[in-house]
Amino acid sequence: MFRTMLYQVFQRRSYSKYYKPQPGTNAKAAANARTPGTPLPSPWPKCYGPMSRDPDIVHLVKTHDWPEDNAKAIYVVRNGLAAIRSYKHFLRDVEKCDFSLDQVILGEPLYGSWGSHLDAWNPLERPNTLVIRYEDLVERPEQELQKVAEFTGFTKQAEWVNNFDELHAAHPNMYRQGPGIPPEEGFTEEQQQLFWSLHGDWMAKFGYSRPVCTTARALRAVLVERFHTADAVLDLSSPRR
């Protein structure tokens, strides 16, 4: 959603390190379309050097990776439970990878866990970094977009209008649900406990409140079952003597 806001309000398109035009799509036509993203002119390793050395142009590049340099950055953080649930569905529906919620909480997919990503960026202390909560973008967009304007030097060209229904109709896998869904929906109590045990420090730093969860004993039971299952699989795959 943030990239859509940048385009609608500031008329600024953004690149993605991972974006590739679909086969048969003309790159110039894709760049001129009414979309927030524009394709990179070449693979990211070839673009990074020239872009990073260009002092006169602001290049907006979406990344899920850990930081590559000390360049200015806008870090959009979302309630970890909601982010993990969304990422699980993205992996299933877009990437065709079927990870469980437990696996995503633990950071088994490509980009690691929600908390480890924050560890790597450390956005609250990283210089030249603007931190924005996703929930604040939804609830008070004008205030948050003003922060973006001051941080980037961009001039507002229009007001933000949240056309979620249109976005959902056009891209149902990317705009799956509105912000009214409780963050913990879809998580068992044991999964919530696992999440808070691993990522509770960052949740507290960003002011996300903790719902009433089950006891630590339930978490230990989940971990015992998980690792005992892994041991059993390992035993079955070992040669018999």
Protein backbone atom coordinates (compact mmCIF):
# COMPACT_ATOMS: atom_id res chain seq x y z
CA MET A 1 0.00 0.00 0.00
CA PHE A 2 2.82 2.42 0.78
CA ARG A 3 4.09 2.37 -2.79
CA THR A 4 0.57 3.17 -3.99
CA MET A 5 0.50 6.13 -1.59
CA LEU A 6 3.84 7.41 -2.88
CA TYR A 7 2.54 7.34 -6.42
CA GLN A 8 -0.90 8.79 -5.75
CA VAL A 9 0.20 11.59 -3.40
CA PHE A 10 3.70 12.46 -4.66
CA GLN A 11 3.53 11.10 -8.23
CA ARG A 12 6.65 9.06 -7.47
CA ARG A 13 7.00 5.56 -8.86
CA SER A 14 9.23 3.07 -7.12
CA TYR A 15 11.38 0.18 -8.22
CA SER A 16 11.42 -3.26 -6.69
CA LYS A 17 14.54 -5.36 -6.39
CA TYR A 18 12.37 -8.36 -7.25
CA TYR A 19 10.07 -6.95 -9.92
CA LYS A 20 10.17 -8.47 -13.38
CA PRO A 21 7.81 -7.47 -16.22
CA GLN A 22 5.61 -10.33 -17.33
CA PRO A 23 6.65 -12.10 -20.55
CA GLY A 24 5.48 -10.11 -23.54
CA THR A 25 5.11 -6.88 -21.53
CA ASN A 26 6.82 -3.87 -23.01
CA ALA A 27 8.99 -2.33 -20.27
CA LYS A 28 8.30 1.24 -21.42
CA ALA A 29 4.56 0.61 -21.46
CA ALA A 30 4.79 -0.89 -17.96
CA ALA A 31 6.60 2.22 -16.73
CA ASN A 32 3.94 4.50 -18.22
CA ALA A 33 1.00 2.53 -16.83
CA ARG A 34 -1.04 3.84 -13.93
CA THR A 35 0.79 1.69 -11.41
CA PRO A 36 3.03 2.62 -8.48
CA GLY A 37 5.90 0.42 -9.64
CA THR A 38 8.26 0.63 -12.56
CA PRO A 39 10.65 -2.10 -13.73
CA LEU A 40 14.35 -1.83 -13.17
CA PRO A 41 16.32 -1.20 -16.38
CA SER A 42 18.53 -4.20 -15.58
CA PRO A 43 19.07 -6.71 -12.73
CA TRP A 44 19.60 -5.12 -9.33
CA PRO A 45 23.35 -5.88 -9.02
CA LYS A 46 23.90 -3.85 -12.20
CA CYS A 47 21.59 -1.01 -11.12
CA TYR A 48 22.79 -0.62 -7.56
CA GLY A 49 26.14 1.02 -8.26
CA PRO A 50 24.95 3.72 -10.70
CA MET A 51 21.86 4.46 -8.61
CA SER A 52 23.79 4.79 -5.37
CA ARG A 53 26.28 7.19 -6.96
CA ASP A 54 23.65 9.46 -8.53
CA PRO A 55 23.38 12.53 -6.24
CA ASP A 56 20.72 14.37 -8.23
CA ILE A 57 17.95 11.77 -8.43
CA VAL A 58 16.04 10.09 -5.61
CA HIS A 59 15.56 6.43 -6.44
CA LEU A 60 12.84 4.65 -4.48
CA VAL A 61 13.54 0.93 -4.24
CA LYS A 62 11.42 -1.58 -2.35
CA THR A 63 13.40 -4.29 -0.59
CA HIS A 64 12.76 -7.09 1.87
CA ASP A 65 16.48 -7.72 2.25
CA TRP A 66 18.78 -6.65 5.04
CA PRO A 67 20.49 -3.26 4.54
CA GLU A 68 23.22 -3.02 1.91
CA ASP A 69 24.52 0.43 2.82
CA ASN A 70 23.80 3.50 4.97
CA ALA A 71 21.57 5.26 2.44
CA LYS A 72 18.37 6.99 3.53
CA ALA A 73 15.54 4.55 4.07
CA ILE A 74 11.88 4.48 5.00
CA TYR A 75 11.11 1.43 7.14
CA VAL A 76 7.42 0.49 7.23
CA VAL A 77 6.71 -1.81 10.16
CA ARG A 78 3.48 -3.69 10.75
CA ASN A 79 2.14 -5.59 13.74
CA GLY A 80 4.18 -8.78 13.57
CA LEU A 81 1.21 -11.12 13.83
CA ALA A 82 -0.59 -9.41 10.95
CA ALA A 83 2.63 -9.25 8.92
CA ILE A 84 3.30 -12.96 9.41
CA ARG A 85 -0.24 -13.98 8.49
CA SER A 86 -0.08 -11.80 5.37
CA TYR A 87 3.32 -13.19 4.41
CA LYS A 88 2.12 -16.77 4.84
CA HIS A 89 -0.74 -16.13 2.40
CA PHE A 90 1.61 -14.37 -0.02
CA LEU A 91 3.94 -17.35 0.03
CA ARG A 92 1.06 -19.73 -0.61
CA ASP A 93 -0.92 -17.74 -3.19
CA VAL A 94 1.85 -15.94 -5.10
CA GLU A 95 5.08 -17.86 -4.53
CA LYS A 96 3.32 -21.27 -4.37
CA CYS A 97 5.26 -22.19 -1.23
CA ASP A 98 3.26 -23.82 1.53
CA PHE A 99 4.82 -22.73 4.85
CA SER A 100 2.94 -23.15 8.13
CA LEU A 101 2.45 -20.24 10.50
CA ASP A 102 4.94 -21.87 12.86
CA GLN A 103 7.58 -21.91 10.13
CA VAL A 104 7.00 -18.26 9.25
CA ILE A 105 7.12 -17.25 12.93
CA LEU A 106 10.46 -19.06 13.26
CA GLY A 107 11.84 -17.44 10.12
CA GLU A 108 12.24 -20.47 7.88
CA PRO A 109 11.24 -18.71 4.59
CA LEU A 110 13.76 -16.79 2.51
CA TYR A 111 13.87 -13.45 4.35
CA GLY A 112 14.04 -14.79 7.87
CA SER A 113 11.77 -13.89 10.75
CA TRP A 114 9.94 -10.66 11.48
CA GLY A 115 12.16 -9.93 14.47
CA SER A 116 15.44 -10.86 12.79
CA HIS A 117 14.70 -8.41 9.99
CA LEU A 118 14.25 -5.68 12.59
CA ASP A 119 17.46 -6.80 14.29
CA ALA A 120 19.32 -6.37 11.01
CA TRP A 121 17.93 -2.92 10.20
CA ASN A 122 17.58 -1.67 13.79
CA PRO A 123 15.47 1.15 12.32
CA LEU A 124 14.88 3.04 15.56
CA GLU A 125 18.61 3.73 15.87
CA ARG A 126 19.76 3.59 12.25
CA PRO A 127 20.78 7.03 10.91
CA ASN A 128 18.84 8.55 7.99
CA THR A 129 15.89 6.28 8.62
CA LEU A 130 12.22 7.20 8.85
CA VAL A 131 10.13 4.61 10.68
CA ILE A 132 6.40 4.45 9.95
CA ARG A 133 3.89 2.03 11.38
CA TYR A 134 1.55 0.53 8.81
CA GLU A 135 -1.38 0.99 11.18
CA ASP A 136 -0.65 4.73 11.44
CA LEU A 137 -0.60 5.01 7.65
CA VAL A 138 -4.09 3.53 7.59
CA GLU A 139 -5.54 5.46 10.55
CA ARG A 140 -3.96 8.90 10.00
CA PRO A 141 -2.47 8.97 6.50
CA GLU A 142 -2.17 12.75 6.22
CA GLN A 143 0.04 12.97 9.31
CA GLU A 144 2.29 10.11 8.22
CA LEU A 145 2.56 11.32 4.62
CA GLN A 146 3.64 14.71 5.92
CA LYS A 147 6.53 12.95 7.65
CA VAL A 148 7.42 11.35 4.32
CA ALA A 149 7.33 14.75 2.60
CA GLU A 150 9.66 16.28 5.19
CA PHE A 151 12.02 13.30 5.10
CA THR A 152 12.27 13.05 1.31
CA GLY A 153 11.71 16.65 0.21
CA PHE A 154 8.87 15.51 -2.05
CA THR A 155 5.99 17.89 -2.78
CA LYS A 156 2.45 16.63 -2.44
CA GLN A 157 0.61 16.53 -5.75
CA ALA A 158 -2.71 15.11 -4.57
CA GLU A 159 -4.59 13.89 -1.51
CA TRP A 160 -4.57 10.24 -0.55
CA VAL A 161 -7.76 8.31 -1.30
CA ASN A 162 -7.84 4.74 -0.02
CA ASN A 163 -9.59 2.78 -2.78
CA PHE A 164 -9.06 -0.58 -1.11
CA ASP A 165 -12.02 -2.23 -2.85
CA GLU A 166 -10.63 -1.30 -6.27
CA LEU A 167 -7.13 -2.45 -5.32
CA HIS A 168 -8.49 -5.73 -3.96
CA ALA A 169 -10.52 -6.33 -7.13
CA ALA A 170 -7.47 -5.67 -9.33
CA HIS A 171 -4.87 -7.49 -7.19
CA PRO A 172 -6.63 -9.86 -4.74
CA ASN A 173 -3.41 -11.67 -3.78
CA MET A 174 -1.64 -8.43 -2.88
CA TYR A 175 -4.55 -6.58 -1.24
CA ARG A 176 -6.18 -9.48 0.54
CA GLN A 177 -7.90 -7.98 3.58
CA GLY A 178 -8.64 -4.59 5.00
CA PRO A 179 -7.11 -3.33 8.27
CA GLY A 180 -10.11 -4.30 10.40
CA ILE A 181 -8.99 -7.92 10.88
CA PRO A 182 -7.56 -8.56 14.40
CA PRO A 183 -3.80 -9.26 14.15
CA GLU A 184 -4.07 -12.54 16.05
CA GLU A 185 -6.84 -13.98 13.86
CA GLY A 186 -5.87 -17.37 12.48
CA PHE A 187 -3.24 -18.05 15.17
CA THR A 188 -3.70 -20.66 17.85
CA GLU A 189 -2.87 -19.66 21.41
CA GLU A 190 0.28 -21.77 21.20
CA GLN A 191 1.37 -19.98 18.02
CA GLN A 192 0.74 -16.62 19.66
CA GLN A 193 2.86 -17.66 22.60
CA LEU A 194 5.64 -18.79 20.27
CA PHE A 195 5.47 -15.47 18.42
CA TRP A 196 5.58 -13.33 21.56
CA SER A 197 8.43 -15.35 23.03
CA LEU A 198 10.53 -14.71 19.92
CA HIS A 199 9.43 -11.22 18.88
CA GLY A 200 7.88 -9.64 21.94
CA ASP A 201 10.80 -7.22 22.45
CA TRP A 202 10.24 -5.53 19.09
CA MET A 203 6.47 -5.56 19.50
CA ALA A 204 6.87 -3.64 22.75
CA LYS A 205 9.24 -1.11 21.16
CA PHE A 206 6.62 -0.24 18.55
CA GLY A 207 3.75 -0.08 21.02
CA TYR A 208 1.89 -3.21 19.97
CA SER A 209 -0.06 -4.57 22.89
CA ARG A 210 0.01 -8.22 23.84
CA PRO A 211 -3.30 -10.11 23.97
CA VAL A 212 -3.99 -12.66 26.68
CA CYS A 213 -2.19 -15.85 25.63
CA THR A 214 -1.84 -19.32 26.99
CA THR A 215 0.83 -20.32 29.47
CA ALA A 216 4.50 -20.94 28.73
CA ARG A 217 3.84 -24.65 29.29
CA ALA A 218 1.78 -24.72 26.08
CA LEU A 219 4.71 -23.18 24.18
CA ARG A 220 7.08 -25.81 25.56
CA ALA A 221 4.65 -28.52 24.49
CA VAL A 222 4.62 -27.15 20.94
CA LEU A 223 8.41 -27.05 20.77
CA VAL A 224 8.77 -30.53 22.27
CA GLU A 225 6.32 -31.94 19.73
CA ARG A 226 8.09 -30.14 16.89
CA PHE A 227 11.57 -31.32 17.74
CA HIS A 228 10.50 -34.84 18.66
CA THR A 229 8.82 -35.13 15.27
CA ALA A 230 12.02 -33.93 13.59
CA ASP A 231 14.05 -36.50 15.58
CA ALA A 232 11.68 -39.26 14.54
CA VAL A 233 12.03 -38.33 10.87
CA LEU A 234 15.79 -38.29 11.28
CA ASP A 235 15.77 -41.72 12.91
CA LEU A 236 13.68 -43.17 10.11
CA SER A 237 16.09 -41.85 7.51
CA SER A 238 19.16 -43.24 9.29
CA PRO A 239 20.61 -46.58 8.10
CA ARG A 240 19.70 -49.51 10.30
CA ARG A 241 22.39 -51.73 11.73
